[in-house]
């Protein structure tokens, strides 16, 4: 132990200062990486999730709106498209349970219940606006 202390005393103070500063900088770089990597991963996950959710809600809203405006002419075709959207790639998991239940009722039933349809479109509108505001808040934070 004495040899180590003697060898440290024998080192030039300028060189020792550079070595200690380099060691502190290296430790800081490692700690920064340990903190920054999980934050970047969570940010990427956040944006992927919200991007898919907003895309799904927008797709459903368009088709439900067409069903609302043209209830007899095109509704069967758009109901089938809604079913395809929900079955594709597990996209139904991005919906809350009430919206999913309503959308399924609308897409399966031969007669469209207008009250459920309009209620679902309103739910999707409010959900879309809240999702978009969350993304805007996260962008303003960055």
N, C-alpha and C. Protein backbone atom coordinates (compact mmCIF):
# COMPACT_ATOMS: atom_id res chain seq x y z
N UNK A 1 0.83 -1.18 0.00
CA UNK A 1 0.00 0.00 0.00
C UNK A 1 0.87 1.25 0.00
N UNK A 2 1.95 1.18 0.77
CA UNK A 2 2.86 2.33 0.84
C UNK A 2 3.50 2.60 -0.51
N UNK A 3 3.76 1.53 -1.26
CA UNK A 3 4.36 1.71 -2.58
C UNK A 3 3.42 2.48 -3.51
N UNK A 4 2.13 2.18 -3.41
CA UNK A 4 1.15 2.87 -4.25
C UNK A 4 1.10 4.34 -3.89
N UNK A 5 1.07 4.63 -2.58
CA UNK A 5 1.02 6.02 -2.14
C UNK A 5 2.30 6.74 -2.55
N UNK A 6 3.44 6.08 -2.44
CA UNK A 6 4.71 6.71 -2.84
C UNK A 6 4.75 6.95 -4.35
N UNK A 7 4.23 5.99 -5.13
CA UNK A 7 4.25 6.18 -6.58
C UNK A 7 3.30 7.29 -7.00
N UNK A 8 2.17 7.45 -6.28
CA UNK A 8 1.24 8.53 -6.59
C UNK A 8 1.87 9.87 -6.23
N UNK A 9 2.59 9.92 -5.12
CA UNK A 9 3.27 11.16 -4.72
C UNK A 9 4.35 11.53 -5.72
N UNK A 10 4.93 10.52 -6.38
CA UNK A 10 6.01 10.77 -7.33
C UNK A 10 5.51 11.24 -8.69
N UNK A 11 4.21 11.10 -8.97
CA UNK A 11 3.67 11.51 -10.27
C UNK A 11 3.52 13.03 -10.29
N UNK A 12 3.77 13.57 -11.44
CA UNK A 12 3.61 15.00 -11.62
C UNK A 12 2.15 15.39 -11.35
N UNK A 13 1.93 16.50 -10.66
CA UNK A 13 0.56 16.92 -10.29
C UNK A 13 -0.30 17.22 -11.51
N UNK A 14 0.28 17.74 -12.55
CA UNK A 14 -0.49 18.02 -13.78
C UNK A 14 -0.98 16.73 -14.43
N UNK A 15 -0.11 15.73 -14.48
CA UNK A 15 -0.49 14.45 -15.08
C UNK A 15 -1.55 13.78 -14.22
N UNK A 16 -1.39 13.85 -12.90
CA UNK A 16 -2.37 13.27 -11.98
C UNK A 16 -3.73 13.96 -12.14
N UNK A 17 -3.73 15.26 -12.30
CA UNK A 17 -4.97 16.00 -12.50
C UNK A 17 -5.66 15.58 -13.78
N UNK A 18 -4.89 15.38 -14.85
CA UNK A 18 -5.45 14.94 -16.12
C UNK A 18 -6.03 13.53 -15.98
N UNK A 19 -5.32 12.65 -15.29
CA UNK A 19 -5.80 11.28 -15.10
C UNK A 19 -7.10 11.24 -14.28
N UNK A 20 -7.15 12.00 -13.21
CA UNK A 20 -8.36 12.03 -12.37
C UNK A 20 -9.52 12.64 -13.14
N UNK A 21 -9.27 13.71 -13.88
CA UNK A 21 -10.32 14.33 -14.69
C UNK A 21 -10.83 13.36 -15.76
N UNK A 22 -9.92 12.63 -16.40
CA UNK A 22 -10.30 11.65 -17.41
C UNK A 22 -11.13 10.52 -16.79
N UNK A 23 -10.76 10.08 -15.60
CA UNK A 23 -11.50 9.03 -14.91
C UNK A 23 -12.91 9.50 -14.56
N UNK A 24 -13.03 10.72 -14.06
CA UNK A 24 -14.35 11.27 -13.73
C UNK A 24 -15.19 11.44 -15.00
N UNK A 25 -14.58 11.89 -16.09
CA UNK A 25 -15.30 12.05 -17.36
C UNK A 25 -15.77 10.70 -17.88
N UNK A 26 -14.94 9.67 -17.75
CA UNK A 26 -15.32 8.33 -18.21
C UNK A 26 -16.49 7.78 -17.38
N UNK A 27 -16.44 7.95 -16.08
CA UNK A 27 -17.53 7.48 -15.21
C UNK A 27 -18.81 8.26 -15.53
N UNK A 28 -18.70 9.56 -15.77
CA UNK A 28 -19.88 10.36 -16.13
C UNK A 28 -20.48 9.90 -17.45
N UNK A 29 -19.64 9.56 -18.41
CA UNK A 29 -20.11 9.08 -19.71
C UNK A 29 -20.87 7.75 -19.55
N UNK A 30 -20.35 6.86 -18.71
CA UNK A 30 -21.02 5.58 -18.47
C UNK A 30 -22.38 5.79 -17.80
N UNK A 31 -22.42 6.65 -16.78
CA UNK A 31 -23.68 6.93 -16.08
C UNK A 31 -24.69 7.57 -17.04
N UNK A 32 -24.23 8.49 -17.86
CA UNK A 32 -25.11 9.14 -18.84
C UNK A 32 -25.71 8.10 -19.78
N UNK A 33 -24.91 7.17 -20.25
CA UNK A 33 -25.40 6.11 -21.13
C UNK A 33 -26.41 5.22 -20.42
N UNK A 34 -26.18 4.92 -19.15
CA UNK A 34 -27.10 4.07 -18.40
C UNK A 34 -28.45 4.75 -18.19
N UNK A 35 -28.47 6.06 -18.13
CA UNK A 35 -29.72 6.79 -17.94
C UNK A 35 -30.37 7.10 -19.28
N UNK A 36 -29.57 7.47 -20.26
CA UNK A 36 -30.10 7.93 -21.55
C UNK A 36 -30.71 6.81 -22.39
N UNK A 37 -30.13 5.64 -22.39
CA UNK A 37 -30.62 4.54 -23.24
C UNK A 37 -32.04 4.14 -22.87
N UNK A 38 -32.37 3.90 -21.59
CA UNK A 38 -33.77 3.56 -21.28
C UNK A 38 -34.75 4.69 -21.60
N UNK A 39 -34.33 5.93 -21.42
CA UNK A 39 -35.21 7.06 -21.75
C UNK A 39 -35.49 7.11 -23.25
N UNK A 40 -34.48 6.91 -24.06
CA UNK A 40 -34.68 6.91 -25.52
C UNK A 40 -35.55 5.74 -25.95
N UNK A 41 -35.34 4.57 -25.34
CA UNK A 41 -36.17 3.41 -25.69
C UNK A 41 -37.63 3.65 -25.31
N UNK A 42 -37.87 4.23 -24.15
CA UNK A 42 -39.25 4.48 -23.74
C UNK A 42 -39.90 5.54 -24.63
N UNK A 43 -39.13 6.52 -25.05
CA UNK A 43 -39.66 7.56 -25.95
C UNK A 43 -40.04 6.95 -27.30
N UNK A 44 -39.19 6.06 -27.82
CA UNK A 44 -39.49 5.41 -29.09
C UNK A 44 -40.74 4.54 -28.97
N UNK A 45 -40.86 3.80 -27.87
CA UNK A 45 -42.04 2.97 -27.64
C UNK A 45 -43.28 3.83 -27.55
N UNK A 46 -43.19 4.94 -26.84
CA UNK A 46 -44.30 5.87 -26.71
C UNK A 46 -44.79 6.33 -28.07
N UNK A 47 -43.87 6.76 -28.93
CA UNK A 47 -44.26 7.27 -30.24
C UNK A 47 -44.81 6.18 -31.15
N UNK A 48 -44.24 4.97 -31.07
CA UNK A 48 -44.75 3.87 -31.89
C UNK A 48 -46.18 3.52 -31.48
N UNK A 49 -46.40 3.41 -30.19
CA UNK A 49 -47.72 3.06 -29.68
C UNK A 49 -48.75 4.11 -30.07
N UNK A 50 -48.45 5.36 -29.83
CA UNK A 50 -49.41 6.42 -30.13
C UNK A 50 -49.61 6.60 -31.63
N UNK A 51 -48.57 6.38 -32.41
CA UNK A 51 -48.73 6.47 -33.86
C UNK A 51 -49.70 5.41 -34.36
N UNK A 52 -49.53 4.18 -33.88
CA UNK A 52 -50.44 3.10 -34.30
C UNK A 52 -51.85 3.34 -33.78
N UNK A 53 -51.96 3.82 -32.56
CA UNK A 53 -53.28 4.06 -31.97
C UNK A 53 -54.02 5.17 -32.73
N UNK A 54 -53.33 6.25 -33.02
CA UNK A 54 -53.94 7.36 -33.76
C UNK A 54 -54.34 6.91 -35.17
N UNK A 55 -53.48 6.13 -35.81
CA UNK A 55 -53.79 5.63 -37.14
C UNK A 55 -55.04 4.75 -37.11
N UNK A 56 -55.13 3.86 -36.13
CA UNK A 56 -56.29 2.98 -36.01
C UNK A 56 -57.56 3.76 -35.74
N UNK A 57 -57.49 4.70 -34.81
CA UNK A 57 -58.67 5.50 -34.49
C UNK A 57 -59.14 6.31 -35.70
N UNK A 58 -58.19 6.85 -36.45
CA UNK A 58 -58.56 7.63 -37.64
C UNK A 58 -59.20 6.74 -38.71
N UNK A 59 -58.64 5.54 -38.91
CA UNK A 59 -59.24 4.61 -39.88
C UNK A 59 -60.66 4.25 -39.48
N UNK A 60 -60.86 3.92 -38.22
CA UNK A 60 -62.20 3.55 -37.76
C UNK A 60 -63.17 4.72 -37.86
N UNK A 61 -62.69 5.91 -37.51
CA UNK A 61 -63.57 7.08 -37.54
C UNK A 61 -64.05 7.35 -38.96
N UNK A 62 -63.17 7.24 -39.93
CA UNK A 62 -63.56 7.50 -41.32
C UNK A 62 -64.63 6.51 -41.76
N UNK A 63 -64.41 5.24 -41.47
CA UNK A 63 -65.39 4.23 -41.90
C UNK A 63 -66.72 4.36 -41.16
N UNK A 64 -66.66 4.66 -39.88
CA UNK A 64 -67.89 4.86 -39.13
C UNK A 64 -68.64 6.09 -39.60
N UNK A 65 -67.91 7.12 -39.95
CA UNK A 65 -68.55 8.34 -40.48
C UNK A 65 -69.24 8.07 -41.81
N UNK A 66 -68.61 7.27 -42.65
CA UNK A 66 -69.23 6.93 -43.94
C UNK A 66 -70.50 6.12 -43.69
N UNK A 67 -70.45 5.20 -42.73
CA UNK A 67 -71.65 4.43 -42.40
C UNK A 67 -72.74 5.36 -41.87
N UNK A 68 -72.35 6.38 -41.10
CA UNK A 68 -73.33 7.31 -40.56
C UNK A 68 -73.97 8.16 -41.66
N UNK A 69 -73.18 8.56 -42.65
CA UNK A 69 -73.71 9.41 -43.72
C UNK A 69 -74.46 8.62 -44.79
N UNK A 70 -74.01 7.40 -45.03
CA UNK A 70 -74.64 6.56 -46.06
C UNK A 70 -75.03 5.22 -45.44
N UNK A 71 -76.04 5.20 -44.61
CA UNK A 71 -76.34 3.99 -43.84
C UNK A 71 -76.76 2.78 -44.67
N UNK A 72 -77.35 2.98 -45.82
CA UNK A 72 -77.87 1.83 -46.57
C UNK A 72 -76.96 1.44 -47.73
N UNK A 73 -76.44 2.40 -48.47
CA UNK A 73 -75.74 2.10 -49.71
C UNK A 73 -74.42 1.34 -49.48
N UNK A 74 -73.57 1.90 -48.66
CA UNK A 74 -72.22 1.38 -48.55
C UNK A 74 -71.91 0.73 -47.20
N UNK A 75 -72.86 0.62 -46.33
CA UNK A 75 -72.55 0.23 -44.96
C UNK A 75 -71.98 -1.18 -44.86
N UNK A 76 -72.48 -2.13 -45.66
CA UNK A 76 -71.98 -3.50 -45.57
C UNK A 76 -70.50 -3.57 -45.92
N UNK A 77 -70.12 -2.89 -46.97
CA UNK A 77 -68.72 -2.88 -47.41
C UNK A 77 -67.81 -2.30 -46.32
N UNK A 78 -68.23 -1.20 -45.71
CA UNK A 78 -67.40 -0.55 -44.69
C UNK A 78 -67.41 -1.31 -43.38
N UNK A 79 -68.49 -2.01 -43.10
CA UNK A 79 -68.52 -2.87 -41.91
C UNK A 79 -67.51 -4.01 -42.05
N UNK A 80 -67.42 -4.56 -43.25
CA UNK A 80 -66.43 -5.61 -43.50
C UNK A 80 -65.01 -5.06 -43.38
N UNK A 81 -64.80 -3.84 -43.85
CA UNK A 81 -63.47 -3.22 -43.72
C UNK A 81 -63.12 -3.01 -42.26
N UNK A 82 -64.10 -2.62 -41.45
CA UNK A 82 -63.85 -2.44 -40.01
C UNK A 82 -63.45 -3.77 -39.39
N UNK A 83 -64.13 -4.83 -39.76
CA UNK A 83 -63.78 -6.15 -39.23
C UNK A 83 -62.36 -6.54 -39.62
N UNK A 84 -61.98 -6.26 -40.86
CA UNK A 84 -60.62 -6.56 -41.32
C UNK A 84 -59.59 -5.75 -40.53
N UNK A 85 -59.89 -4.48 -40.30
CA UNK A 85 -58.98 -3.62 -39.54
C UNK A 85 -58.76 -4.17 -38.14
N UNK A 86 -59.84 -4.59 -37.49
CA UNK A 86 -59.75 -5.09 -36.12
C UNK A 86 -59.02 -6.42 -36.04
N UNK A 87 -59.15 -7.25 -37.07
CA UNK A 87 -58.51 -8.56 -37.06
C UNK A 87 -57.04 -8.52 -37.49
N UNK A 88 -56.66 -7.48 -38.17
CA UNK A 88 -55.32 -7.37 -38.73
C UNK A 88 -54.30 -6.98 -37.66
N UNK A 89 -53.27 -7.77 -37.52
CA UNK A 89 -52.10 -7.47 -36.68
C UNK A 89 -52.44 -7.15 -35.22
N UNK A 90 -53.53 -7.65 -34.71
CA UNK A 90 -53.89 -7.40 -33.32
C UNK A 90 -54.16 -5.94 -33.02
N UNK A 91 -54.63 -5.22 -34.00
CA UNK A 91 -54.85 -3.78 -33.83
C UNK A 91 -55.98 -3.47 -32.86
N UNK A 92 -56.83 -4.44 -32.58
CA UNK A 92 -57.93 -4.22 -31.64
C UNK A 92 -57.39 -3.93 -30.24
N UNK A 93 -56.18 -4.35 -29.96
CA UNK A 93 -55.59 -4.12 -28.64
C UNK A 93 -55.32 -2.64 -28.36
N UNK A 94 -55.29 -1.83 -29.40
CA UNK A 94 -55.04 -0.40 -29.22
C UNK A 94 -56.29 0.39 -28.84
N UNK A 95 -57.44 -0.29 -28.80
CA UNK A 95 -58.69 0.38 -28.46
C UNK A 95 -59.05 0.13 -27.01
N UNK A 96 -59.75 1.08 -26.41
CA UNK A 96 -60.25 0.81 -25.07
C UNK A 96 -61.44 -0.14 -25.19
N UNK A 97 -61.83 -0.75 -24.10
CA UNK A 97 -62.83 -1.83 -24.16
C UNK A 97 -64.19 -1.35 -24.65
N UNK A 98 -64.62 -0.17 -24.24
CA UNK A 98 -65.93 0.33 -24.65
C UNK A 98 -65.97 0.62 -26.15
N UNK A 99 -64.95 1.26 -26.65
CA UNK A 99 -64.90 1.55 -28.09
C UNK A 99 -64.84 0.27 -28.89
N UNK A 100 -64.04 -0.68 -28.44
CA UNK A 100 -63.94 -1.96 -29.14
C UNK A 100 -65.29 -2.67 -29.17
N UNK A 101 -65.96 -2.70 -28.04
CA UNK A 101 -67.27 -3.35 -27.97
C UNK A 101 -68.27 -2.68 -28.93
N UNK A 102 -68.30 -1.37 -28.92
CA UNK A 102 -69.23 -0.65 -29.81
C UNK A 102 -68.90 -0.86 -31.29
N UNK A 103 -67.62 -0.81 -31.62
CA UNK A 103 -67.22 -0.99 -33.01
C UNK A 103 -67.55 -2.40 -33.47
N UNK A 104 -67.35 -3.38 -32.60
CA UNK A 104 -67.71 -4.75 -32.97
C UNK A 104 -69.21 -4.89 -33.19
N UNK A 105 -70.00 -4.29 -32.30
CA UNK A 105 -71.47 -4.34 -32.47
C UNK A 105 -71.87 -3.74 -33.80
N UNK A 106 -71.29 -2.60 -34.12
CA UNK A 106 -71.64 -1.91 -35.37
C UNK A 106 -71.23 -2.74 -36.57
N UNK A 107 -70.04 -3.32 -36.53
CA UNK A 107 -69.54 -4.03 -37.71
C UNK A 107 -70.20 -5.38 -37.91
N UNK A 108 -70.76 -5.97 -36.86
CA UNK A 108 -71.35 -7.30 -36.97
C UNK A 108 -72.86 -7.24 -37.25
N UNK A 109 -73.54 -6.31 -36.62
CA UNK A 109 -75.00 -6.29 -36.75
C UNK A 109 -75.43 -5.83 -38.14
N UNK A 110 -76.45 -6.49 -38.69
CA UNK A 110 -76.93 -6.09 -40.03
C UNK A 110 -77.62 -4.72 -40.02
N UNK A 111 -78.30 -4.40 -38.93
CA UNK A 111 -78.94 -3.09 -38.80
C UNK A 111 -78.07 -2.22 -37.89
N UNK A 112 -77.73 -1.05 -38.36
CA UNK A 112 -76.87 -0.16 -37.60
C UNK A 112 -77.69 0.64 -36.59
N UNK A 113 -77.30 0.54 -35.33
CA UNK A 113 -77.93 1.33 -34.27
C UNK A 113 -77.27 2.72 -34.30
N UNK A 114 -78.03 3.71 -34.74
CA UNK A 114 -77.46 5.05 -34.93
C UNK A 114 -76.97 5.67 -33.64
N UNK A 115 -77.64 5.40 -32.53
CA UNK A 115 -77.20 5.99 -31.26
C UNK A 115 -75.83 5.45 -30.85
N UNK A 116 -75.63 4.15 -31.02
CA UNK A 116 -74.31 3.57 -30.71
C UNK A 116 -73.27 4.09 -31.70
N UNK A 117 -73.63 4.19 -32.95
CA UNK A 117 -72.72 4.69 -33.97
C UNK A 117 -72.25 6.11 -33.66
N UNK A 118 -73.18 7.00 -33.39
CA UNK A 118 -72.82 8.39 -33.10
C UNK A 118 -72.05 8.50 -31.79
N UNK A 119 -72.44 7.71 -30.80
CA UNK A 119 -71.72 7.71 -29.52
C UNK A 119 -70.28 7.24 -29.72
N UNK A 120 -70.10 6.22 -30.54
CA UNK A 120 -68.75 5.69 -30.80
C UNK A 120 -67.90 6.70 -31.56
N UNK A 121 -68.50 7.38 -32.52
CA UNK A 121 -67.75 8.42 -33.26
C UNK A 121 -67.33 9.53 -32.30
N UNK A 122 -68.20 9.93 -31.39
CA UNK A 122 -67.84 10.95 -30.39
C UNK A 122 -66.73 10.46 -29.47
N UNK A 123 -66.80 9.20 -29.05
CA UNK A 123 -65.74 8.63 -28.20
C UNK A 123 -64.41 8.64 -28.93
N UNK A 124 -64.44 8.25 -30.21
CA UNK A 124 -63.20 8.23 -30.99
C UNK A 124 -62.67 9.64 -31.18
N UNK A 125 -63.56 10.62 -31.42
CA UNK A 125 -63.12 12.02 -31.55
C UNK A 125 -62.43 12.50 -30.29
N UNK A 126 -63.04 12.24 -29.14
CA UNK A 126 -62.43 12.70 -27.89
C UNK A 126 -61.13 11.96 -27.61
N UNK A 127 -61.10 10.66 -27.94
CA UNK A 127 -59.88 9.88 -27.74
C UNK A 127 -58.77 10.39 -28.65
N UNK A 128 -59.11 10.67 -29.91
CA UNK A 128 -58.12 11.20 -30.85
C UNK A 128 -57.57 12.54 -30.38
N UNK A 129 -58.44 13.42 -29.92
CA UNK A 129 -57.96 14.73 -29.48
C UNK A 129 -57.07 14.60 -28.24
N UNK A 130 -57.40 13.70 -27.33
CA UNK A 130 -56.54 13.52 -26.15
C UNK A 130 -55.20 12.89 -26.53
N UNK A 131 -55.21 11.94 -27.48
CA UNK A 131 -53.96 11.32 -27.91
C UNK A 131 -53.06 12.33 -28.62
N UNK A 132 -53.67 13.14 -29.46
CA UNK A 132 -52.89 14.14 -30.18
C UNK A 132 -52.32 15.19 -29.22
N UNK A 133 -53.10 15.56 -28.22
CA UNK A 133 -52.58 16.54 -27.25
C UNK A 133 -51.44 15.94 -26.43
N UNK A 134 -51.49 14.64 -26.14
CA UNK A 134 -50.38 13.99 -25.43
C UNK A 134 -49.11 14.02 -26.27
N UNK A 135 -49.25 13.76 -27.55
CA UNK A 135 -48.08 13.79 -28.43
C UNK A 135 -47.54 15.22 -28.52
N UNK A 136 -48.41 16.20 -28.61
CA UNK A 136 -47.97 17.60 -28.65
C UNK A 136 -47.26 17.98 -27.36
N UNK A 137 -47.78 17.51 -26.22
CA UNK A 137 -47.13 17.81 -24.94
C UNK A 137 -45.75 17.16 -24.86
N UNK A 138 -45.63 15.94 -25.34
CA UNK A 138 -44.33 15.28 -25.29
C UNK A 138 -43.35 15.95 -26.24
N UNK A 139 -43.83 16.45 -27.37
CA UNK A 139 -42.95 17.16 -28.31
C UNK A 139 -42.52 18.51 -27.73
N UNK A 140 -43.40 19.18 -27.00
CA UNK A 140 -43.00 20.45 -26.40
C UNK A 140 -42.04 20.23 -25.25
N UNK A 141 -42.11 19.08 -24.62
CA UNK A 141 -41.17 18.74 -23.54
C UNK A 141 -39.77 18.51 -24.07
N UNK A 142 -39.71 17.92 -25.28
CA UNK A 142 -38.41 17.61 -25.87
C UNK A 142 -37.74 18.89 -26.29
